[in-house]
């Protein structure tokens, strides 16, 4: 839904994959048993604002960085990673960029 006009109509457009961290949280206490068993904490859940449009945001993770080093307005670039359980499913994740 468009936040400005509330239209449900949209069109797919290519984007650069560049953006900035708009907001984030660091999860230190895993709730889901699968995460707890793999000891994958701490991890971040980040809201990335893409450079093409103000308000165009993607919820994802920032990889290759310690949780304490993530900050709002940090520049990031998309990378794509297949999931472990479903190799045909690819996730858009982000890494720090200059």
N, C-alpha and C. Protein backbone atom coordinates (compact mmCIF):
# COMPACT_ATOMS: atom_id res chain seq x y z
N UNK A 1 0.85 -1.17 0.00
CA UNK A 1 0.00 0.00 0.00
C UNK A 1 0.89 1.24 0.00
N UNK A 2 0.54 2.17 -0.85
CA UNK A 2 1.29 3.42 -0.91
C UNK A 2 1.01 4.24 0.35
N UNK A 3 2.06 4.64 1.09
CA UNK A 3 1.82 5.41 2.31
C UNK A 3 1.29 6.82 2.06
N UNK A 4 1.46 7.31 0.84
CA UNK A 4 1.01 8.67 0.53
C UNK A 4 -0.45 8.70 0.09
N UNK A 5 -0.80 7.84 -0.89
CA UNK A 5 -2.16 7.91 -1.45
C UNK A 5 -3.02 6.71 -1.07
N UNK A 6 -2.44 5.71 -0.40
CA UNK A 6 -3.13 4.50 0.05
C UNK A 6 -3.62 3.62 -1.10
N UNK A 7 -3.01 3.75 -2.26
CA UNK A 7 -3.37 2.92 -3.41
C UNK A 7 -2.82 1.52 -3.22
N UNK A 8 -3.56 0.53 -3.69
CA UNK A 8 -3.10 -0.85 -3.65
C UNK A 8 -2.46 -1.26 -4.98
N UNK A 9 -2.43 -0.37 -5.94
CA UNK A 9 -1.82 -0.65 -7.23
C UNK A 9 -0.33 -0.32 -7.16
N UNK A 10 0.48 -1.18 -7.77
CA UNK A 10 1.91 -0.94 -7.77
C UNK A 10 2.52 -1.51 -9.04
N UNK A 11 3.76 -1.16 -9.28
CA UNK A 11 4.51 -1.64 -10.43
C UNK A 11 5.92 -2.00 -9.95
N UNK A 12 6.44 -3.15 -10.39
CA UNK A 12 7.79 -3.56 -10.03
C UNK A 12 8.80 -2.67 -10.73
N UNK A 13 9.82 -2.25 -10.01
CA UNK A 13 10.89 -1.43 -10.57
C UNK A 13 12.23 -1.95 -10.05
N UNK A 14 13.25 -1.88 -10.89
CA UNK A 14 14.59 -2.26 -10.45
C UNK A 14 15.14 -1.17 -9.54
N UNK A 15 15.88 -1.61 -8.52
CA UNK A 15 16.54 -0.67 -7.61
C UNK A 15 18.02 -1.04 -7.53
N UNK A 16 18.81 -0.13 -7.02
CA UNK A 16 20.27 -0.32 -6.97
C UNK A 16 20.71 -1.32 -5.90
N UNK A 17 19.92 -1.46 -4.84
CA UNK A 17 20.33 -2.30 -3.72
C UNK A 17 21.14 -1.54 -2.69
N UNK A 18 21.36 -0.24 -2.94
CA UNK A 18 22.08 0.59 -1.97
C UNK A 18 21.07 1.30 -1.06
N UNK A 19 21.48 1.48 0.19
CA UNK A 19 20.61 2.19 1.12
C UNK A 19 21.33 2.50 2.41
N UNK A 20 20.55 2.84 3.42
CA UNK A 20 21.10 3.12 4.75
C UNK A 20 20.24 2.42 5.79
N UNK A 21 20.85 2.14 6.94
CA UNK A 21 20.10 1.57 8.05
C UNK A 21 19.19 2.67 8.58
N UNK A 22 17.89 2.44 8.53
CA UNK A 22 16.91 3.40 9.02
C UNK A 22 16.68 3.19 10.52
N UNK A 23 16.63 1.91 10.92
CA UNK A 23 16.44 1.54 12.32
C UNK A 23 16.89 0.08 12.48
N UNK A 24 17.13 -0.35 13.70
CA UNK A 24 17.52 -1.74 13.92
C UNK A 24 17.33 -2.11 15.38
N UNK A 25 17.26 -3.41 15.62
CA UNK A 25 17.28 -3.96 16.98
C UNK A 25 18.28 -5.11 16.98
N UNK A 26 18.84 -5.39 18.14
CA UNK A 26 19.73 -6.53 18.30
C UNK A 26 19.03 -7.55 19.18
N UNK A 27 18.87 -8.76 18.66
CA UNK A 27 18.22 -9.84 19.40
C UNK A 27 19.30 -10.60 20.15
N UNK A 28 19.15 -10.67 21.46
CA UNK A 28 20.14 -11.36 22.29
C UNK A 28 19.55 -12.59 22.98
N UNK A 29 18.23 -12.66 23.06
CA UNK A 29 17.56 -13.78 23.71
C UNK A 29 16.66 -14.45 22.68
N UNK A 30 17.09 -15.56 22.07
CA UNK A 30 16.30 -16.19 21.02
C UNK A 30 15.02 -16.80 21.56
N UNK A 31 13.94 -16.58 20.85
CA UNK A 31 12.65 -17.14 21.25
C UNK A 31 12.39 -18.45 20.52
N UNK A 32 12.72 -18.49 19.24
CA UNK A 32 12.44 -19.68 18.43
C UNK A 32 13.47 -20.77 18.73
N UNK A 33 13.01 -22.01 18.96
CA UNK A 33 13.94 -23.10 19.31
C UNK A 33 15.03 -23.34 18.26
N UNK A 34 14.72 -23.18 16.98
CA UNK A 34 15.72 -23.43 15.94
C UNK A 34 16.90 -22.47 16.06
N UNK A 35 16.62 -21.24 16.42
CA UNK A 35 17.69 -20.25 16.59
C UNK A 35 18.45 -20.55 17.87
N UNK A 36 17.73 -20.92 18.91
CA UNK A 36 18.36 -21.23 20.19
C UNK A 36 19.31 -22.42 20.04
N UNK A 37 18.88 -23.46 19.31
CA UNK A 37 19.71 -24.66 19.13
C UNK A 37 20.97 -24.37 18.34
N UNK A 38 20.90 -23.46 17.39
CA UNK A 38 22.06 -23.15 16.55
C UNK A 38 22.96 -22.07 17.17
N UNK A 39 22.55 -21.53 18.30
CA UNK A 39 23.32 -20.49 19.00
C UNK A 39 23.66 -19.34 18.06
N UNK A 40 22.64 -18.83 17.39
CA UNK A 40 22.85 -17.77 16.41
C UNK A 40 22.55 -16.38 16.97
N UNK A 41 22.86 -16.17 18.21
CA UNK A 41 22.65 -14.86 18.81
C UNK A 41 23.99 -14.29 19.25
N UNK A 42 24.14 -13.01 19.34
CA UNK A 42 23.14 -12.01 18.96
C UNK A 42 23.08 -11.82 17.44
N UNK A 43 21.93 -11.33 16.96
CA UNK A 43 21.78 -10.98 15.55
C UNK A 43 20.93 -9.72 15.46
N UNK A 44 21.00 -9.07 14.32
CA UNK A 44 20.25 -7.83 14.15
C UNK A 44 19.07 -8.03 13.22
N UNK A 45 18.04 -7.26 13.45
CA UNK A 45 16.93 -7.11 12.52
C UNK A 45 16.95 -5.63 12.15
N UNK A 46 17.18 -5.37 10.87
CA UNK A 46 17.39 -3.99 10.43
C UNK A 46 16.36 -3.56 9.40
N UNK A 47 15.96 -2.32 9.51
CA UNK A 47 15.07 -1.71 8.54
C UNK A 47 15.94 -0.84 7.64
N UNK A 48 16.04 -1.22 6.37
CA UNK A 48 16.92 -0.55 5.41
C UNK A 48 16.09 0.35 4.51
N UNK A 49 16.47 1.63 4.44
CA UNK A 49 15.80 2.54 3.52
C UNK A 49 16.63 2.61 2.24
N UNK A 50 16.02 2.20 1.12
CA UNK A 50 16.72 2.20 -0.17
C UNK A 50 16.86 3.62 -0.70
N UNK A 51 17.95 3.86 -1.45
CA UNK A 51 18.26 5.21 -1.88
C UNK A 51 17.32 5.75 -2.95
N UNK A 52 16.58 4.90 -3.61
CA UNK A 52 15.74 5.35 -4.72
C UNK A 52 14.56 6.21 -4.30
N UNK A 53 14.08 6.01 -3.07
CA UNK A 53 12.87 6.73 -2.67
C UNK A 53 12.79 6.81 -1.15
N UNK A 54 12.51 7.97 -0.64
CA UNK A 54 12.30 8.12 0.80
C UNK A 54 11.10 7.28 1.20
N UNK A 55 11.25 6.51 2.26
CA UNK A 55 10.17 5.67 2.74
C UNK A 55 10.13 4.28 2.12
N UNK A 56 11.01 4.01 1.14
CA UNK A 56 11.08 2.68 0.52
C UNK A 56 12.01 1.83 1.38
N UNK A 57 11.41 0.99 2.22
CA UNK A 57 12.19 0.28 3.25
C UNK A 57 12.00 -1.23 3.15
N UNK A 58 13.07 -1.95 3.51
CA UNK A 58 13.10 -3.40 3.49
C UNK A 58 13.57 -3.88 4.86
N UNK A 59 12.85 -4.84 5.43
CA UNK A 59 13.27 -5.44 6.70
C UNK A 59 14.20 -6.61 6.38
N UNK A 60 15.39 -6.61 6.97
CA UNK A 60 16.40 -7.61 6.64
C UNK A 60 17.40 -7.71 7.78
N UNK A 61 18.58 -8.21 7.47
CA UNK A 61 19.70 -8.28 8.41
C UNK A 61 20.92 -7.65 7.77
N UNK A 62 21.81 -7.10 8.60
CA UNK A 62 23.10 -6.62 8.13
C UNK A 62 24.14 -7.66 8.55
N UNK A 63 24.88 -8.18 7.58
CA UNK A 63 25.86 -9.24 7.82
C UNK A 63 27.27 -8.65 7.94
N UNK A 64 28.18 -9.49 8.42
CA UNK A 64 29.62 -9.16 8.46
C UNK A 64 29.92 -7.94 9.32
N UNK A 65 29.19 -7.78 10.40
CA UNK A 65 29.43 -6.65 11.30
C UNK A 65 28.98 -7.05 12.71
N UNK A 66 29.72 -6.61 13.70
CA UNK A 66 29.33 -6.85 15.10
C UNK A 66 28.11 -6.01 15.43
N UNK A 67 27.19 -6.52 16.23
CA UNK A 67 25.98 -5.77 16.56
C UNK A 67 26.25 -4.38 17.11
N UNK A 68 27.30 -4.23 17.89
CA UNK A 68 27.58 -2.92 18.49
C UNK A 68 28.13 -1.90 17.48
N UNK A 69 28.48 -2.37 16.29
CA UNK A 69 29.01 -1.47 15.26
C UNK A 69 27.96 -0.97 14.27
N UNK A 70 26.75 -1.48 14.35
CA UNK A 70 25.67 -1.01 13.46
C UNK A 70 25.17 0.33 13.98
N UNK A 71 24.84 1.23 13.08
CA UNK A 71 24.30 2.53 13.49
C UNK A 71 23.30 3.05 12.46
N UNK A 72 22.41 3.90 12.89
CA UNK A 72 21.43 4.53 12.01
C UNK A 72 22.17 5.38 10.98
N UNK A 73 21.71 5.34 9.74
CA UNK A 73 22.31 6.03 8.58
C UNK A 73 23.58 5.36 8.07
N UNK A 74 23.91 4.16 8.56
CA UNK A 74 25.06 3.43 8.05
C UNK A 74 24.79 3.00 6.62
N UNK A 75 25.70 3.28 5.67
CA UNK A 75 25.49 2.85 4.29
C UNK A 75 25.62 1.33 4.15
N UNK A 76 24.72 0.74 3.38
CA UNK A 76 24.72 -0.71 3.16
C UNK A 76 24.43 -1.01 1.69
N UNK A 77 24.75 -2.25 1.30
CA UNK A 77 24.53 -2.73 -0.06
C UNK A 77 23.92 -4.12 0.03
N UNK A 78 22.97 -4.42 -0.85
CA UNK A 78 22.31 -5.72 -0.82
C UNK A 78 23.26 -6.82 -1.28
N UNK A 79 23.08 -8.00 -0.73
CA UNK A 79 23.70 -9.23 -1.19
C UNK A 79 22.62 -10.29 -1.11
N UNK A 80 22.70 -11.31 -1.93
CA UNK A 80 21.65 -12.32 -1.96
C UNK A 80 22.22 -13.65 -1.49
N UNK A 81 21.47 -14.34 -0.62
CA UNK A 81 21.94 -15.59 -0.05
C UNK A 81 20.82 -16.62 -0.08
N UNK A 82 21.10 -17.82 -0.63
CA UNK A 82 20.09 -18.88 -0.60
C UNK A 82 19.89 -19.37 0.84
N UNK A 83 18.68 -19.77 1.16
CA UNK A 83 18.42 -20.30 2.50
C UNK A 83 19.01 -21.70 2.61
N UNK A 84 19.27 -22.13 3.83
CA UNK A 84 19.86 -23.45 4.06
C UNK A 84 18.87 -24.55 3.72
N UNK A 85 17.64 -24.40 4.17
CA UNK A 85 16.64 -25.45 4.00
C UNK A 85 16.01 -25.47 2.61
N UNK A 86 15.95 -24.33 1.96
CA UNK A 86 15.32 -24.21 0.64
C UNK A 86 16.28 -23.49 -0.31
N UNK A 87 17.16 -24.21 -1.01
CA UNK A 87 18.15 -23.54 -1.86
C UNK A 87 17.56 -22.70 -2.99
N UNK A 88 16.30 -22.94 -3.35
CA UNK A 88 15.66 -22.14 -4.40
C UNK A 88 15.08 -20.84 -3.86
N UNK A 89 15.12 -20.66 -2.55
CA UNK A 89 14.64 -19.43 -1.93
C UNK A 89 15.86 -18.57 -1.60
N UNK A 90 15.88 -17.36 -2.13
CA UNK A 90 17.02 -16.47 -1.95
C UNK A 90 16.57 -15.24 -1.16
N UNK A 91 17.34 -14.89 -0.13
CA UNK A 91 17.00 -13.75 0.72
C UNK A 91 17.84 -12.53 0.39
N UNK A 92 17.22 -11.34 0.37
CA UNK A 92 18.01 -10.12 0.24
C UNK A 92 18.54 -9.72 1.62
N UNK A 93 19.84 -9.78 1.79
CA UNK A 93 20.49 -9.37 3.03
C UNK A 93 21.40 -8.20 2.69
N UNK A 94 21.96 -7.56 3.70
CA UNK A 94 22.76 -6.36 3.45
C UNK A 94 24.11 -6.47 4.12
N UNK A 95 25.10 -5.81 3.54
CA UNK A 95 26.45 -5.73 4.10
C UNK A 95 26.85 -4.26 4.13
N UNK A 96 27.73 -3.88 5.06
CA UNK A 96 28.18 -2.49 5.10
C UNK A 96 28.87 -2.10 3.79
N UNK A 97 28.70 -0.85 3.40
CA UNK A 97 29.38 -0.34 2.20
C UNK A 97 30.00 1.01 2.52
N UNK A 98 30.86 1.48 1.64
CA UNK A 98 31.53 2.77 1.86
C UNK A 98 30.73 3.90 1.28
